[in-house]
N, C-alpha and C. Protein backbone atom coordinates (compact mmCIF):
# COMPACT_ATOMS: atom_id res chain seq x y z
N MET A 1 -8.72 -15.21 28.97
CA MET A 1 -8.25 -15.11 27.62
C MET A 1 -7.15 -14.06 27.56
N SER A 2 -6.21 -14.26 26.69
CA SER A 2 -5.09 -13.33 26.55
C SER A 2 -5.54 -12.06 25.84
N SER A 3 -4.73 -11.04 25.96
CA SER A 3 -5.06 -9.78 25.30
C SER A 3 -5.08 -9.95 23.77
N ILE A 4 -4.18 -10.78 23.27
CA ILE A 4 -4.15 -11.02 21.82
C ILE A 4 -5.42 -11.74 21.39
N GLY A 5 -5.84 -12.70 22.18
CA GLY A 5 -7.07 -13.43 21.88
C GLY A 5 -8.28 -12.51 21.87
N ASP A 6 -8.33 -11.60 22.84
CA ASP A 6 -9.43 -10.63 22.88
C ASP A 6 -9.43 -9.75 21.64
N LYS A 7 -8.25 -9.31 21.25
CA LYS A 7 -8.14 -8.44 20.07
C LYS A 7 -8.56 -9.18 18.80
N VAL A 8 -8.13 -10.43 18.65
CA VAL A 8 -8.47 -11.21 17.46
C VAL A 8 -9.97 -11.47 17.41
N LYS A 9 -10.54 -11.91 18.53
CA LYS A 9 -11.98 -12.16 18.56
C LYS A 9 -12.75 -10.87 18.30
N GLY A 10 -12.25 -9.78 18.84
CA GLY A 10 -12.90 -8.49 18.63
C GLY A 10 -12.91 -8.10 17.16
N ALA A 11 -11.77 -8.27 16.52
CA ALA A 11 -11.67 -7.94 15.09
C ALA A 11 -12.60 -8.83 14.27
N ALA A 12 -12.64 -10.11 14.61
CA ALA A 12 -13.51 -11.05 13.89
C ALA A 12 -14.98 -10.67 14.06
N ASN A 13 -15.36 -10.29 15.27
CA ASN A 13 -16.74 -9.89 15.51
C ASN A 13 -17.08 -8.60 14.76
N GLN A 14 -16.14 -7.69 14.68
CA GLN A 14 -16.39 -6.46 13.93
C GLN A 14 -16.62 -6.74 12.45
N VAL A 15 -15.82 -7.62 11.88
CA VAL A 15 -15.97 -7.96 10.47
C VAL A 15 -17.29 -8.69 10.24
N ALA A 16 -17.58 -9.68 11.07
CA ALA A 16 -18.83 -10.43 10.92
C ALA A 16 -20.03 -9.50 11.09
N GLY A 17 -19.94 -8.60 12.04
CA GLY A 17 -21.03 -7.66 12.26
C GLY A 17 -21.24 -6.74 11.07
N ALA A 18 -20.15 -6.28 10.49
CA ALA A 18 -20.25 -5.40 9.31
C ALA A 18 -20.90 -6.14 8.15
N VAL A 19 -20.54 -7.41 7.98
CA VAL A 19 -21.12 -8.21 6.90
C VAL A 19 -22.63 -8.39 7.13
N LYS A 20 -23.00 -8.73 8.38
CA LYS A 20 -24.43 -8.89 8.69
C LYS A 20 -25.18 -7.58 8.48
N GLN A 21 -24.58 -6.49 8.91
CA GLN A 21 -25.23 -5.19 8.78
C GLN A 21 -25.44 -4.85 7.30
N ALA A 22 -24.44 -5.07 6.48
CA ALA A 22 -24.55 -4.78 5.05
C ALA A 22 -25.56 -5.71 4.38
N ALA A 23 -25.53 -6.98 4.76
CA ALA A 23 -26.49 -7.93 4.18
C ALA A 23 -27.92 -7.55 4.57
N GLY A 24 -28.11 -7.18 5.82
CA GLY A 24 -29.44 -6.77 6.26
C GLY A 24 -29.93 -5.55 5.50
N HIS A 25 -29.02 -4.61 5.28
CA HIS A 25 -29.38 -3.41 4.51
C HIS A 25 -29.72 -3.78 3.06
N ALA A 26 -28.93 -4.68 2.48
CA ALA A 26 -29.10 -5.06 1.08
C ALA A 26 -30.43 -5.76 0.83
N VAL A 27 -30.85 -6.59 1.78
CA VAL A 27 -32.08 -7.36 1.58
C VAL A 27 -33.28 -6.72 2.29
N GLY A 28 -33.05 -5.59 2.93
CA GLY A 28 -34.15 -4.90 3.60
C GLY A 28 -34.60 -5.58 4.88
N ASN A 29 -33.63 -6.15 5.61
CA ASN A 29 -33.95 -6.83 6.87
C ASN A 29 -33.38 -6.00 8.03
N PRO A 30 -34.21 -5.15 8.63
CA PRO A 30 -33.69 -4.29 9.70
C PRO A 30 -33.22 -5.07 10.94
N ASP A 31 -33.82 -6.22 11.19
CA ASP A 31 -33.38 -7.03 12.33
C ASP A 31 -31.93 -7.49 12.14
N LEU A 32 -31.60 -7.89 10.93
CA LEU A 32 -30.24 -8.34 10.64
C LEU A 32 -29.27 -7.16 10.72
N GLU A 33 -29.71 -5.99 10.28
CA GLU A 33 -28.88 -4.79 10.38
C GLU A 33 -28.55 -4.49 11.84
N VAL A 34 -29.56 -4.55 12.69
CA VAL A 34 -29.36 -4.28 14.12
C VAL A 34 -28.47 -5.34 14.75
N GLU A 35 -28.68 -6.59 14.37
CA GLU A 35 -27.84 -7.68 14.89
C GLU A 35 -26.38 -7.45 14.49
N GLY A 36 -26.15 -7.02 13.27
CA GLY A 36 -24.80 -6.73 12.80
C GLY A 36 -24.17 -5.58 13.56
N ALA A 37 -24.95 -4.54 13.79
CA ALA A 37 -24.43 -3.39 14.54
C ALA A 37 -24.06 -3.80 15.96
N ALA A 38 -24.89 -4.64 16.56
CA ALA A 38 -24.61 -5.11 17.92
C ALA A 38 -23.34 -5.96 17.95
N GLN A 39 -23.16 -6.79 16.95
CA GLN A 39 -21.97 -7.64 16.90
C GLN A 39 -20.72 -6.79 16.68
N LYS A 40 -20.82 -5.73 15.88
CA LYS A 40 -19.68 -4.82 15.70
C LYS A 40 -19.32 -4.16 17.02
N LEU A 41 -20.32 -3.74 17.77
CA LEU A 41 -20.08 -3.12 19.08
C LEU A 41 -19.43 -4.11 20.04
N LYS A 42 -19.89 -5.35 20.00
CA LYS A 42 -19.28 -6.40 20.82
C LYS A 42 -17.80 -6.54 20.47
N GLY A 43 -17.49 -6.51 19.19
CA GLY A 43 -16.10 -6.63 18.75
C GLY A 43 -15.25 -5.46 19.23
N LYS A 44 -15.80 -4.26 19.14
CA LYS A 44 -15.05 -3.09 19.62
C LYS A 44 -14.80 -3.19 21.12
N THR A 45 -15.77 -3.70 21.85
CA THR A 45 -15.61 -3.88 23.30
C THR A 45 -14.53 -4.91 23.60
N GLN A 46 -14.54 -6.03 22.87
CA GLN A 46 -13.52 -7.06 23.07
C GLN A 46 -12.13 -6.50 22.80
N GLU A 47 -11.99 -5.73 21.74
CA GLU A 47 -10.68 -5.14 21.44
C GLU A 47 -10.24 -4.18 22.53
N ALA A 48 -11.18 -3.41 23.05
CA ALA A 48 -10.86 -2.48 24.14
C ALA A 48 -10.41 -3.24 25.39
N ILE A 49 -11.03 -4.36 25.66
CA ILE A 49 -10.62 -5.19 26.80
C ILE A 49 -9.19 -5.68 26.59
N GLY A 50 -8.88 -6.12 25.38
CA GLY A 50 -7.51 -6.55 25.06
C GLY A 50 -6.50 -5.43 25.25
N GLU A 51 -6.86 -4.22 24.82
CA GLU A 51 -5.97 -3.07 24.99
C GLU A 51 -5.79 -2.76 26.48
N GLY A 52 -6.88 -2.86 27.24
CA GLY A 52 -6.80 -2.63 28.68
C GLY A 52 -5.89 -3.62 29.36
N LYS A 53 -5.99 -4.88 28.96
CA LYS A 53 -5.11 -5.91 29.53
C LYS A 53 -3.65 -5.59 29.23
N ASP A 54 -3.38 -5.14 28.00
CA ASP A 54 -2.01 -4.78 27.64
C ASP A 54 -1.51 -3.63 28.51
N ALA A 55 -2.36 -2.63 28.71
CA ALA A 55 -1.96 -1.46 29.51
C ALA A 55 -1.67 -1.87 30.96
N ILE A 56 -2.52 -2.72 31.51
CA ILE A 56 -2.30 -3.19 32.89
C ILE A 56 -1.01 -3.99 32.98
N LYS A 57 -0.78 -4.86 31.98
CA LYS A 57 0.45 -5.67 32.00
C LYS A 57 1.68 -4.78 31.95
N LYS A 58 1.65 -3.72 31.14
CA LYS A 58 2.80 -2.82 31.05
C LYS A 58 3.05 -2.13 32.39
N ILE A 59 1.98 -1.73 33.07
CA ILE A 59 2.13 -1.09 34.38
C ILE A 59 2.71 -2.06 35.39
N VAL A 60 2.20 -3.28 35.40
CA VAL A 60 2.68 -4.29 36.35
C VAL A 60 4.13 -4.65 36.06
N ASP A 61 4.49 -4.74 34.79
CA ASP A 61 5.86 -5.08 34.41
C ASP A 61 6.85 -4.00 34.84
N LYS A 62 6.41 -2.73 34.85
CA LYS A 62 7.29 -1.64 35.26
C LYS A 62 7.46 -1.59 36.77
N ALA A 63 6.50 -2.13 37.51
CA ALA A 63 6.56 -2.06 38.98
C ALA A 63 7.58 -3.01 39.56
C-alpha cells in the first residue's frame, strides 16, 4: 500500500475508533470503549507507517 493510502486508512480508523469510544462511553458499554481505543491506536500506527514510508522514499530519492 502507498504511504498516502496508509495515512488515509489511518485517519479513517482514528475517526471510527473515536466514534466507537464515545458511543461506548455514552451507552455505558466498556467493551465498545476499549474496541474504539484499540481502533484509534491502529489508525495512529497506520499513519506512522505512512510517514515512515515517506521518510524512506525521501532518503532513497536523495541517494
